[in-house]
Amino acid sequence: MGPGGAGNPGFPVLADDDWLYGGTPAKIQETITGGRGGQMTAHEKVLTASEIDTLAKWVVQMHDTLGKGGSEEGWALFKTKGCIACHGEKANGHLVDLPNGEFVTIGAANLTDGIWRYEPGGYESAKYTITYGVNQPGVPQTRIAVMPVFGPDATHGNQAKLSPQDIKKLVVYVHELGGGQ
C-alpha cells in the first residue's frame, strides 16, 4: 500500500470508494482475515478478436460515462457472453443489492464507477484483462490480484500473521481511509 492508502502498481487504492467486496468494517475484516483472490476468465480462446475489441471499447464507454453509456452491441455481448454472471445486470459488480445497502458479489470489478482496477486504464488495459483474465492458471500473461491471508490460515498451521487486535486496528485504519459504506 502506498502512503495514505494511495496504492502502488499491482495493489489497489484504499483511499477511494471502489470496494470490490464491500467497504463496511465487517467486509474489510473479512478481507484482511481471510484474504482474497480475484478471478476473471481469460477470454482469448472463448471470444473472437472482434468481440474482445467491442467489449474493451464498451468498458471504456462505461467508464467514461459512469455507467450511463455503452454501445448496444457491447451491452448485447456483455449479456450473451456471460459477463453479466460476475459483473451483474447493471455491470456494477453487484449480483444482488440488499435492502441494508450491502450487496452480494464475487468481487468482480464495477465497470460503471469510473475507477480503473489496473492502471493506466483505458482501451488497451481493458482489452488485456478481457483477453488474459485475472489469476488464471496456465495463462502466463494473466493479471495477478491476490490479497494475502492475515488471520488464521489452515494451510499454514492456523498461525495468523496478525493478532485479532491488530486486525481490528487495521480495519479501523483502512475504513477511515475510504471504506465506502
N, C-alpha and C. Protein backbone atom coordinates (compact mmCIF):
# COMPACT_ATOMS: atom_id res chain seq x y z
N MET A 1 0.85 -1.18 0.00
CA MET A 1 0.00 0.00 0.00
C MET A 1 0.89 1.23 0.00
N GLY A 2 0.53 2.20 -0.80
CA GLY A 2 1.27 3.45 -0.83
C GLY A 2 0.88 4.34 0.34
N PRO A 3 1.56 5.47 0.49
CA PRO A 3 1.26 6.40 1.59
C PRO A 3 -0.21 6.82 1.58
N GLY A 4 -0.83 6.78 2.75
CA GLY A 4 -2.22 7.22 2.89
C GLY A 4 -3.20 6.36 2.11
N GLY A 5 -2.83 5.12 1.81
CA GLY A 5 -3.71 4.22 1.08
C GLY A 5 -3.74 4.48 -0.41
N ALA A 6 -2.72 5.16 -0.94
CA ALA A 6 -2.69 5.56 -2.34
C ALA A 6 -2.51 4.41 -3.31
N GLY A 7 -2.10 3.26 -2.83
CA GLY A 7 -1.89 2.13 -3.74
C GLY A 7 -0.54 2.20 -4.42
N ASN A 8 -0.20 1.16 -5.10
CA ASN A 8 1.03 1.04 -5.87
C ASN A 8 0.73 0.14 -7.06
N PRO A 9 1.61 0.09 -8.07
CA PRO A 9 1.33 -0.82 -9.18
C PRO A 9 1.05 -2.24 -8.68
N GLY A 10 -0.08 -2.78 -9.10
CA GLY A 10 -0.48 -4.12 -8.69
C GLY A 10 -1.22 -4.18 -7.36
N PHE A 11 -1.35 -3.05 -6.68
CA PHE A 11 -2.04 -3.00 -5.39
C PHE A 11 -3.12 -1.93 -5.46
N PRO A 12 -4.30 -2.21 -4.91
CA PRO A 12 -5.42 -1.27 -5.05
C PRO A 12 -5.26 -0.02 -4.19
N VAL A 13 -5.94 1.02 -4.62
CA VAL A 13 -6.05 2.25 -3.84
C VAL A 13 -7.06 1.99 -2.72
N LEU A 14 -6.70 2.31 -1.50
CA LEU A 14 -7.62 2.11 -0.37
C LEU A 14 -8.29 3.42 0.05
N ALA A 15 -7.90 4.52 -0.57
CA ALA A 15 -8.43 5.82 -0.19
C ALA A 15 -9.54 6.30 -1.13
N ASP A 16 -10.12 5.39 -1.89
CA ASP A 16 -11.25 5.75 -2.74
C ASP A 16 -12.46 4.93 -2.31
N ASP A 17 -13.53 5.00 -3.06
CA ASP A 17 -14.72 4.23 -2.66
C ASP A 17 -14.98 3.05 -3.59
N ASP A 18 -13.91 2.49 -4.16
CA ASP A 18 -14.01 1.31 -5.01
C ASP A 18 -13.69 0.08 -4.18
N TRP A 19 -14.74 -0.60 -3.72
CA TRP A 19 -14.58 -1.75 -2.84
C TRP A 19 -15.23 -2.96 -3.49
N LEU A 20 -14.42 -3.85 -4.05
CA LEU A 20 -14.94 -4.99 -4.79
C LEU A 20 -15.79 -5.92 -3.93
N TYR A 21 -15.47 -6.05 -2.66
CA TYR A 21 -16.20 -6.96 -1.78
C TYR A 21 -17.04 -6.22 -0.74
N GLY A 22 -17.06 -4.91 -0.81
CA GLY A 22 -17.80 -4.11 0.16
C GLY A 22 -16.84 -3.40 1.10
N GLY A 23 -17.20 -2.18 1.48
CA GLY A 23 -16.31 -1.36 2.31
C GLY A 23 -16.77 -1.20 3.75
N THR A 24 -17.69 -2.05 4.21
CA THR A 24 -18.10 -1.97 5.62
C THR A 24 -16.97 -2.53 6.48
N PRO A 25 -16.93 -2.14 7.75
CA PRO A 25 -15.90 -2.73 8.62
C PRO A 25 -15.93 -4.26 8.63
N ALA A 26 -17.12 -4.86 8.59
CA ALA A 26 -17.22 -6.33 8.60
C ALA A 26 -16.58 -6.92 7.34
N LYS A 27 -16.82 -6.31 6.18
CA LYS A 27 -16.26 -6.82 4.93
C LYS A 27 -14.75 -6.60 4.87
N ILE A 28 -14.29 -5.46 5.39
CA ILE A 28 -12.85 -5.20 5.42
C ILE A 28 -12.17 -6.21 6.33
N GLN A 29 -12.77 -6.51 7.48
CA GLN A 29 -12.20 -7.51 8.40
C GLN A 29 -12.17 -8.89 7.74
N GLU A 30 -13.23 -9.22 7.03
CA GLU A 30 -13.29 -10.50 6.31
C GLU A 30 -12.15 -10.58 5.29
N THR A 31 -11.91 -9.51 4.58
CA THR A 31 -10.85 -9.48 3.56
C THR A 31 -9.48 -9.59 4.19
N ILE A 32 -9.21 -8.83 5.23
CA ILE A 32 -7.90 -8.88 5.89
C ILE A 32 -7.67 -10.25 6.52
N THR A 33 -8.66 -10.77 7.19
CA THR A 33 -8.50 -12.05 7.89
C THR A 33 -8.33 -13.21 6.93
N GLY A 34 -9.20 -13.31 5.92
CA GLY A 34 -9.20 -14.48 5.05
C GLY A 34 -8.54 -14.31 3.71
N GLY A 35 -8.14 -13.07 3.38
CA GLY A 35 -7.53 -12.82 2.08
C GLY A 35 -8.56 -12.87 0.96
N ARG A 36 -8.14 -12.56 -0.22
CA ARG A 36 -8.99 -12.60 -1.41
C ARG A 36 -8.13 -12.98 -2.60
N GLY A 37 -8.74 -13.62 -3.55
CA GLY A 37 -8.07 -13.95 -4.80
C GLY A 37 -9.02 -13.67 -5.94
N GLY A 38 -8.80 -12.58 -6.64
CA GLY A 38 -9.67 -12.23 -7.75
C GLY A 38 -9.65 -13.29 -8.84
N GLN A 39 -10.71 -13.35 -9.61
CA GLN A 39 -10.80 -14.29 -10.72
C GLN A 39 -11.51 -13.62 -11.88
N MET A 40 -10.98 -13.82 -13.05
CA MET A 40 -11.69 -13.48 -14.28
C MET A 40 -11.19 -14.41 -15.35
N THR A 41 -12.11 -15.03 -16.03
CA THR A 41 -11.77 -15.96 -17.09
C THR A 41 -10.96 -15.26 -18.17
N ALA A 42 -9.94 -15.93 -18.65
CA ALA A 42 -9.22 -15.45 -19.83
C ALA A 42 -10.08 -15.78 -21.05
N HIS A 43 -10.44 -14.76 -21.81
CA HIS A 43 -11.37 -14.95 -22.93
C HIS A 43 -10.67 -15.09 -24.28
N GLU A 44 -9.36 -15.21 -24.28
CA GLU A 44 -8.58 -15.31 -25.52
C GLU A 44 -9.08 -16.45 -26.42
N LYS A 45 -9.47 -17.56 -25.82
CA LYS A 45 -9.91 -18.72 -26.60
C LYS A 45 -11.44 -18.86 -26.59
N VAL A 46 -12.12 -17.93 -25.94
CA VAL A 46 -13.58 -18.00 -25.82
C VAL A 46 -14.27 -17.00 -26.75
N LEU A 47 -13.70 -15.82 -26.87
CA LEU A 47 -14.27 -14.76 -27.70
C LEU A 47 -13.41 -14.53 -28.94
N THR A 48 -14.02 -14.01 -29.98
CA THR A 48 -13.25 -13.63 -31.18
C THR A 48 -12.51 -12.33 -30.89
N ALA A 49 -11.54 -12.03 -31.71
CA ALA A 49 -10.80 -10.76 -31.57
C ALA A 49 -11.75 -9.58 -31.70
N SER A 50 -12.71 -9.68 -32.58
CA SER A 50 -13.70 -8.61 -32.77
C SER A 50 -14.57 -8.43 -31.52
N GLU A 51 -14.98 -9.54 -30.90
CA GLU A 51 -15.78 -9.46 -29.68
C GLU A 51 -14.99 -8.85 -28.53
N ILE A 52 -13.72 -9.24 -28.41
CA ILE A 52 -12.86 -8.65 -27.37
C ILE A 52 -12.72 -7.15 -27.61
N ASP A 53 -12.52 -6.75 -28.86
CA ASP A 53 -12.40 -5.34 -29.21
C ASP A 53 -13.68 -4.58 -28.83
N THR A 54 -14.82 -5.13 -29.19
CA THR A 54 -16.11 -4.48 -28.89
C THR A 54 -16.30 -4.34 -27.39
N LEU A 55 -16.01 -5.41 -26.63
CA LEU A 55 -16.18 -5.35 -25.17
C LEU A 55 -15.20 -4.38 -24.53
N ALA A 56 -13.96 -4.34 -25.00
CA ALA A 56 -12.98 -3.39 -24.44
C ALA A 56 -13.42 -1.95 -24.69
N LYS A 57 -13.91 -1.67 -25.88
CA LYS A 57 -14.42 -0.32 -26.18
C LYS A 57 -15.64 -0.01 -25.32
N TRP A 58 -16.50 -1.00 -25.11
CA TRP A 58 -17.69 -0.83 -24.28
C TRP A 58 -17.30 -0.52 -22.83
N VAL A 59 -16.28 -1.23 -22.31
CA VAL A 59 -15.82 -0.97 -20.94
C VAL A 59 -15.34 0.48 -20.82
N VAL A 60 -14.61 0.97 -21.81
CA VAL A 60 -14.15 2.37 -21.79
C VAL A 60 -15.35 3.32 -21.83
N GLN A 61 -16.34 3.02 -22.67
CA GLN A 61 -17.55 3.85 -22.72
C GLN A 61 -18.26 3.86 -21.37
N MET A 62 -18.36 2.70 -20.74
CA MET A 62 -19.00 2.61 -19.42
C MET A 62 -18.21 3.43 -18.40
N HIS A 63 -16.90 3.33 -18.45
CA HIS A 63 -16.03 4.09 -17.55
C HIS A 63 -16.22 5.59 -17.75
N ASP A 64 -16.18 6.01 -19.00
CA ASP A 64 -16.23 7.44 -19.31
C ASP A 64 -17.58 8.08 -19.00
N THR A 65 -18.65 7.29 -19.01
CA THR A 65 -20.00 7.83 -18.77
C THR A 65 -20.55 7.43 -17.41
N LEU A 66 -19.69 6.84 -16.57
CA LEU A 66 -20.10 6.36 -15.25
C LEU A 66 -21.32 5.44 -15.35
N GLY A 67 -21.26 4.55 -16.34
CA GLY A 67 -22.29 3.53 -16.49
C GLY A 67 -23.53 3.95 -17.24
N LYS A 68 -23.56 5.17 -17.74
CA LYS A 68 -24.76 5.64 -18.44
C LYS A 68 -24.66 5.45 -19.95
N GLY A 69 -23.51 5.00 -20.41
CA GLY A 69 -23.32 4.81 -21.85
C GLY A 69 -23.05 3.37 -22.18
N GLY A 70 -22.35 3.16 -23.22
CA GLY A 70 -22.05 1.81 -23.66
C GLY A 70 -22.90 1.47 -24.87
N SER A 71 -22.24 1.03 -25.91
CA SER A 71 -22.95 0.72 -27.15
C SER A 71 -23.92 -0.43 -26.95
N GLU A 72 -24.95 -0.45 -27.79
CA GLU A 72 -25.92 -1.56 -27.74
C GLU A 72 -25.22 -2.88 -28.05
N GLU A 73 -24.29 -2.85 -29.00
CA GLU A 73 -23.55 -4.06 -29.36
C GLU A 73 -22.73 -4.56 -28.16
N GLY A 74 -22.12 -3.63 -27.43
CA GLY A 74 -21.35 -4.00 -26.24
C GLY A 74 -22.24 -4.59 -25.15
N TRP A 75 -23.39 -3.94 -24.91
CA TRP A 75 -24.34 -4.47 -23.92
C TRP A 75 -24.80 -5.86 -24.31
N ALA A 76 -25.07 -6.07 -25.58
CA ALA A 76 -25.54 -7.38 -26.05
C ALA A 76 -24.48 -8.45 -25.79
N LEU A 77 -23.21 -8.15 -26.10
CA LEU A 77 -22.14 -9.11 -25.84
C LEU A 77 -21.98 -9.34 -24.33
N PHE A 78 -22.04 -8.26 -23.56
CA PHE A 78 -21.93 -8.36 -22.10
C PHE A 78 -22.96 -9.35 -21.55
N LYS A 79 -24.17 -9.26 -22.08
CA LYS A 79 -25.26 -10.12 -21.59
C LYS A 79 -25.17 -11.54 -22.15
N THR A 80 -24.84 -11.69 -23.41
CA THR A 80 -24.89 -13.03 -24.04
C THR A 80 -23.62 -13.85 -23.85
N LYS A 81 -22.51 -13.21 -23.55
CA LYS A 81 -21.24 -13.94 -23.41
C LYS A 81 -20.90 -14.27 -21.96
N GLY A 82 -21.83 -14.01 -21.05
CA GLY A 82 -21.65 -14.44 -19.66
C GLY A 82 -21.06 -13.41 -18.71
N CYS A 83 -20.72 -12.23 -19.20
CA CYS A 83 -20.13 -11.20 -18.33
C CYS A 83 -21.07 -10.84 -17.18
N ILE A 84 -22.36 -10.86 -17.48
CA ILE A 84 -23.40 -10.50 -16.53
C ILE A 84 -23.38 -11.42 -15.29
N ALA A 85 -22.91 -12.66 -15.46
CA ALA A 85 -22.89 -13.62 -14.36
C ALA A 85 -21.98 -13.18 -13.21
N CYS A 86 -20.93 -12.45 -13.53
CA CYS A 86 -20.00 -11.98 -12.49
C CYS A 86 -20.14 -10.49 -12.21
N HIS A 87 -20.32 -9.68 -13.25
CA HIS A 87 -20.38 -8.22 -13.10
C HIS A 87 -21.78 -7.72 -12.78
N GLY A 88 -22.80 -8.58 -12.86
CA GLY A 88 -24.17 -8.21 -12.53
C GLY A 88 -24.90 -7.55 -13.68
N GLU A 89 -26.22 -7.48 -13.56
CA GLU A 89 -27.08 -6.93 -14.62
C GLU A 89 -26.76 -5.49 -14.96
N LYS A 90 -26.31 -4.72 -13.96
CA LYS A 90 -26.02 -3.30 -14.18
C LYS A 90 -24.55 -3.04 -14.44
N ALA A 91 -23.74 -4.10 -14.49
CA ALA A 91 -22.29 -4.02 -14.72
C ALA A 91 -21.55 -3.33 -13.57
N ASN A 92 -22.20 -3.29 -12.40
CA ASN A 92 -21.59 -2.62 -11.24
C ASN A 92 -20.92 -3.58 -10.26
N GLY A 93 -20.82 -4.86 -10.65
CA GLY A 93 -20.19 -5.84 -9.78
C GLY A 93 -21.12 -6.43 -8.73
N HIS A 94 -22.35 -5.93 -8.66
CA HIS A 94 -23.31 -6.42 -7.67
C HIS A 94 -24.18 -7.50 -8.30
N LEU A 95 -24.22 -8.65 -7.67
CA LEU A 95 -25.13 -9.70 -8.14
C LEU A 95 -26.52 -9.48 -7.55
N VAL A 96 -26.55 -8.99 -6.29
CA VAL A 96 -27.81 -8.67 -5.60
C VAL A 96 -27.55 -7.47 -4.70
N ASP A 97 -28.42 -6.47 -4.77
CA ASP A 97 -28.37 -5.33 -3.84
C ASP A 97 -29.31 -5.63 -2.68
N LEU A 98 -28.78 -5.56 -1.46
CA LEU A 98 -29.58 -5.86 -0.27
C LEU A 98 -30.23 -4.59 0.27
N PRO A 99 -31.36 -4.73 0.98
CA PRO A 99 -32.07 -3.55 1.49
C PRO A 99 -31.25 -2.68 2.45
N ASN A 100 -30.26 -3.28 3.13
CA ASN A 100 -29.45 -2.52 4.09
C ASN A 100 -28.30 -1.75 3.43
N GLY A 101 -28.23 -1.76 2.10
CA GLY A 101 -27.17 -1.04 1.40
C GLY A 101 -25.97 -1.91 1.04
N GLU A 102 -25.87 -3.09 1.64
CA GLU A 102 -24.79 -4.00 1.28
C GLU A 102 -25.19 -4.72 0.00
N PHE A 103 -24.28 -5.51 -0.53
CA PHE A 103 -24.55 -6.22 -1.77
C PHE A 103 -23.85 -7.56 -1.78
N VAL A 104 -24.35 -8.44 -2.61
CA VAL A 104 -23.73 -9.75 -2.82
C VAL A 104 -22.87 -9.63 -4.07
N THR A 105 -21.64 -10.10 -3.97
CA THR A 105 -20.69 -10.00 -5.06
C THR A 105 -19.72 -11.17 -5.01
N ILE A 106 -19.07 -11.42 -6.12
CA ILE A 106 -17.96 -12.36 -6.11
C ILE A 106 -16.64 -11.61 -6.28
N GLY A 107 -16.71 -10.28 -6.21
CA GLY A 107 -15.51 -9.45 -6.32
C GLY A 107 -15.19 -8.98 -7.72
N ALA A 108 -16.17 -9.09 -8.63
CA ALA A 108 -15.95 -8.60 -9.99
C ALA A 108 -15.91 -7.08 -9.99
N ALA A 109 -15.12 -6.53 -10.87
CA ALA A 109 -14.96 -5.07 -10.95
C ALA A 109 -16.28 -4.39 -11.29
N ASN A 110 -16.47 -3.22 -10.71
CA ASN A 110 -17.57 -2.33 -11.06
C ASN A 110 -17.15 -1.61 -12.33
N LEU A 111 -17.86 -1.84 -13.41
CA LEU A 111 -17.50 -1.23 -14.69
C LEU A 111 -18.17 0.12 -14.90
N THR A 112 -18.88 0.61 -13.88
CA THR A 112 -19.65 1.84 -14.02
C THR A 112 -19.16 2.98 -13.14
N ASP A 113 -18.13 2.77 -12.34
CA ASP A 113 -17.76 3.79 -11.36
C ASP A 113 -16.64 4.73 -11.79
N GLY A 114 -16.10 4.54 -12.98
CA GLY A 114 -15.05 5.44 -13.45
C GLY A 114 -13.69 5.18 -12.83
N ILE A 115 -13.54 4.07 -12.10
CA ILE A 115 -12.27 3.74 -11.46
C ILE A 115 -11.68 2.53 -12.16
N TRP A 116 -10.43 2.64 -12.57
CA TRP A 116 -9.76 1.53 -13.24
C TRP A 116 -9.08 0.65 -12.20
N ARG A 117 -9.33 -0.64 -12.25
CA ARG A 117 -8.70 -1.60 -11.34
C ARG A 117 -7.21 -1.73 -11.65
N TYR A 118 -6.87 -1.68 -12.93
CA TYR A 118 -5.48 -1.79 -13.35
C TYR A 118 -5.10 -0.53 -14.11
N GLU A 119 -4.09 0.14 -13.63
CA GLU A 119 -3.62 1.37 -14.25
C GLU A 119 -2.70 1.03 -15.41
N PRO A 120 -2.67 1.82 -16.46
CA PRO A 120 -3.24 3.15 -16.56
C PRO A 120 -4.70 3.17 -16.98
N GLY A 121 -5.32 2.03 -17.15
CA GLY A 121 -6.71 2.01 -17.58
C GLY A 121 -6.82 2.22 -19.08
N GLY A 122 -8.03 2.39 -19.54
CA GLY A 122 -8.26 2.64 -20.95
C GLY A 122 -8.43 1.37 -21.77
N TYR A 123 -8.53 1.58 -23.08
CA TYR A 123 -8.83 0.50 -24.02
C TYR A 123 -7.83 -0.65 -23.93
N GLU A 124 -6.54 -0.36 -24.00
CA GLU A 124 -5.53 -1.42 -24.01
C GLU A 124 -5.57 -2.23 -22.72
N SER A 125 -5.77 -1.56 -21.60
CA SER A 125 -5.85 -2.24 -20.31
C SER A 125 -7.08 -3.15 -20.25
N ALA A 126 -8.24 -2.62 -20.69
CA ALA A 126 -9.47 -3.42 -20.69
C ALA A 126 -9.31 -4.63 -21.62
N LYS A 127 -8.75 -4.41 -22.79
CA LYS A 127 -8.55 -5.49 -23.76
C LYS A 127 -7.63 -6.56 -23.18
N TYR A 128 -6.58 -6.15 -22.51
CA TYR A 128 -5.64 -7.08 -21.90
C TYR A 128 -6.33 -7.94 -20.85
N THR A 129 -7.10 -7.31 -19.96
CA THR A 129 -7.79 -8.06 -18.91
C THR A 129 -8.82 -9.02 -19.50
N ILE A 130 -9.58 -8.57 -20.47
CA ILE A 130 -10.56 -9.45 -21.11
C ILE A 130 -9.86 -10.63 -21.77
N THR A 131 -8.76 -10.37 -22.43
CA THR A 131 -8.04 -11.41 -23.16
C THR A 131 -7.40 -12.43 -22.23
N TYR A 132 -6.66 -11.96 -21.22
CA TYR A 132 -5.85 -12.85 -20.40
C TYR A 132 -6.41 -13.11 -19.01
N GLY A 133 -7.45 -12.39 -18.61
CA GLY A 133 -8.10 -12.65 -17.33
C GLY A 133 -7.28 -12.25 -16.12
N VAL A 134 -7.75 -12.73 -14.98
CA VAL A 134 -7.11 -12.43 -13.69
C VAL A 134 -6.94 -13.76 -12.94
N ASN A 135 -5.71 -14.01 -12.50
CA ASN A 135 -5.36 -15.21 -11.73
C ASN A 135 -5.77 -16.50 -12.44
N GLN A 136 -5.50 -16.56 -13.72
CA GLN A 136 -5.86 -17.74 -14.50
C GLN A 136 -4.68 -18.70 -14.61
N PRO A 137 -4.81 -19.90 -14.05
CA PRO A 137 -3.74 -20.89 -14.15
C PRO A 137 -3.46 -21.23 -15.62
N GLY A 138 -2.21 -21.38 -15.96
CA GLY A 138 -1.83 -21.76 -17.31
C GLY A 138 -1.86 -20.63 -18.31
N VAL A 139 -2.13 -19.40 -17.85
CA VAL A 139 -2.14 -18.23 -18.74
C VAL A 139 -1.01 -17.30 -18.26
N PRO A 140 0.18 -17.40 -18.87
CA PRO A 140 1.32 -16.63 -18.38
C PRO A 140 1.08 -15.12 -18.31
N GLN A 141 0.24 -14.57 -19.20
CA GLN A 141 0.02 -13.13 -19.24
C GLN A 141 -1.08 -12.67 -18.28
N THR A 142 -1.71 -13.57 -17.56
CA THR A 142 -2.82 -13.19 -16.70
C THR A 142 -2.40 -12.15 -15.68
N ARG A 143 -3.34 -11.29 -15.33
CA ARG A 143 -3.08 -10.33 -14.26
C ARG A 143 -3.17 -11.07 -12.92
N ILE A 144 -2.37 -10.62 -11.97
CA ILE A 144 -2.37 -11.23 -10.65
C ILE A 144 -3.03 -10.26 -9.67
N ALA A 145 -4.00 -10.79 -8.93
CA ALA A 145 -4.70 -9.98 -7.92
C ALA A 145 -4.97 -10.87 -6.71
N VAL A 146 -4.09 -10.77 -5.71
CA VAL A 146 -4.22 -11.61 -4.53
C VAL A 146 -3.99 -10.75 -3.29
N MET A 147 -4.95 -10.82 -2.39
CA MET A 147 -4.81 -10.22 -1.06
C MET A 147 -4.44 -11.37 -0.13
N PRO A 148 -3.28 -11.31 0.51
CA PRO A 148 -2.87 -12.44 1.36
C PRO A 148 -3.75 -12.58 2.61
N VAL A 149 -3.72 -13.76 3.19
CA VAL A 149 -4.42 -14.06 4.44
C VAL A 149 -3.60 -13.50 5.59
N PHE A 150 -4.24 -12.75 6.49
CA PHE A 150 -3.55 -12.24 7.67
C PHE A 150 -4.08 -12.83 8.96
N GLY A 151 -5.21 -13.56 8.87
CA GLY A 151 -5.77 -14.24 10.03
C GLY A 151 -5.29 -15.68 10.06
N PRO A 152 -5.87 -16.48 10.94
CA PRO A 152 -5.50 -17.90 11.00
C PRO A 152 -5.73 -18.56 9.64
N ASP A 153 -4.78 -19.37 9.22
CA ASP A 153 -4.81 -19.98 7.89
C ASP A 153 -4.47 -21.46 8.02
N ALA A 154 -5.43 -22.32 7.70
CA ALA A 154 -5.24 -23.76 7.84
C ALA A 154 -4.06 -24.28 7.03
N THR A 155 -3.75 -23.62 5.92
CA THR A 155 -2.63 -24.09 5.10
C THR A 155 -1.27 -23.78 5.73
N HIS A 156 -1.28 -22.94 6.75
CA HIS A 156 -0.03 -22.61 7.45
C HIS A 156 -0.14 -22.94 8.93
N GLY A 157 -0.80 -24.05 9.25
CA GLY A 157 -0.90 -24.48 10.64
C GLY A 157 -1.76 -23.57 11.49
N ASN A 158 -2.68 -22.83 10.88
CA ASN A 158 -3.59 -21.91 11.59
C ASN A 158 -2.88 -20.78 12.32
N GLN A 159 -1.64 -20.51 11.96
CA GLN A 159 -0.93 -19.38 12.56
C GLN A 159 -1.31 -18.11 11.82
N ALA A 160 -1.68 -17.09 12.58
CA ALA A 160 -2.07 -15.81 11.98
C ALA A 160 -0.85 -14.92 11.81
N LYS A 161 -0.84 -14.14 10.72
CA LYS A 161 0.22 -13.15 10.52
C LYS A 161 0.01 -11.95 11.43
N LEU A 162 -1.29 -11.67 11.73
CA LEU A 162 -1.63 -10.56 12.62
C LEU A 162 -2.54 -11.07 13.73
N SER A 163 -2.42 -10.48 14.90
CA SER A 163 -3.30 -10.85 16.01
C SER A 163 -4.70 -10.30 15.74
N PRO A 164 -5.72 -10.86 16.40
CA PRO A 164 -7.08 -10.32 16.25
C PRO A 164 -7.15 -8.83 16.58
N GLN A 165 -6.40 -8.40 17.58
CA GLN A 165 -6.38 -6.98 17.96
C GLN A 165 -5.75 -6.13 16.85
N ASP A 166 -4.66 -6.61 16.27
CA ASP A 166 -4.02 -5.87 15.18
C ASP A 166 -4.93 -5.80 13.95
N ILE A 167 -5.66 -6.89 13.69
CA ILE A 167 -6.60 -6.88 12.57
C ILE A 167 -7.69 -5.84 12.81
N LYS A 168 -8.20 -5.75 14.03
CA LYS A 168 -9.23 -4.74 14.35
C LYS A 168 -8.69 -3.32 14.13
N LYS A 169 -7.47 -3.09 14.56
CA LYS A 169 -6.85 -1.77 14.36
C LYS A 169 -6.70 -1.46 12.87
N LEU A 170 -6.28 -2.45 12.11
CA LEU A 170 -6.11 -2.26 10.67
C LEU A 170 -7.45 -2.03 9.98
N VAL A 171 -8.49 -2.71 10.42
CA VAL A 171 -9.82 -2.50 9.87
C VAL A 171 -10.26 -1.05 10.06
N VAL A 172 -10.08 -0.53 11.26
CA VAL A 172 -10.45 0.86 11.54
C VAL A 172 -9.65 1.81 10.66
N TYR A 173 -8.34 1.58 10.56
CA TYR A 173 -7.48 2.43 9.75
C TYR A 173 -7.90 2.42 8.29
N VAL A 174 -8.08 1.22 7.72
CA VAL A 174 -8.45 1.11 6.31
C VAL A 174 -9.82 1.72 6.07
N HIS A 175 -10.77 1.48 6.96
CA HIS A 175 -12.11 2.05 6.79
C HIS A 175 -12.06 3.57 6.80
N GLU A 176 -11.24 4.14 7.67
CA GLU A 176 -11.10 5.60 7.73
C GLU A 176 -10.46 6.17 6.46
N LEU A 177 -9.65 5.36 5.77
CA LEU A 177 -9.02 5.84 4.53
C LEU A 177 -10.05 6.08 3.43
N GLY A 178 -11.07 5.25 3.38
CA GLY A 178 -12.04 5.40 2.30
C GLY A 178 -13.26 4.53 2.48
N GLY A 179 -13.08 3.41 3.09
CA GLY A 179 -14.10 2.45 3.47
C GLY A 179 -15.39 2.30 2.72
N GLY A 180 -15.83 3.27 2.03
CA GLY A 180 -17.09 3.09 1.30
C GLY A 180 -18.28 3.22 2.21
N GLN A 181 -18.80 2.11 2.69
CA GLN A 181 -20.06 2.12 3.43
C GLN A 181 -19.84 2.29 4.92
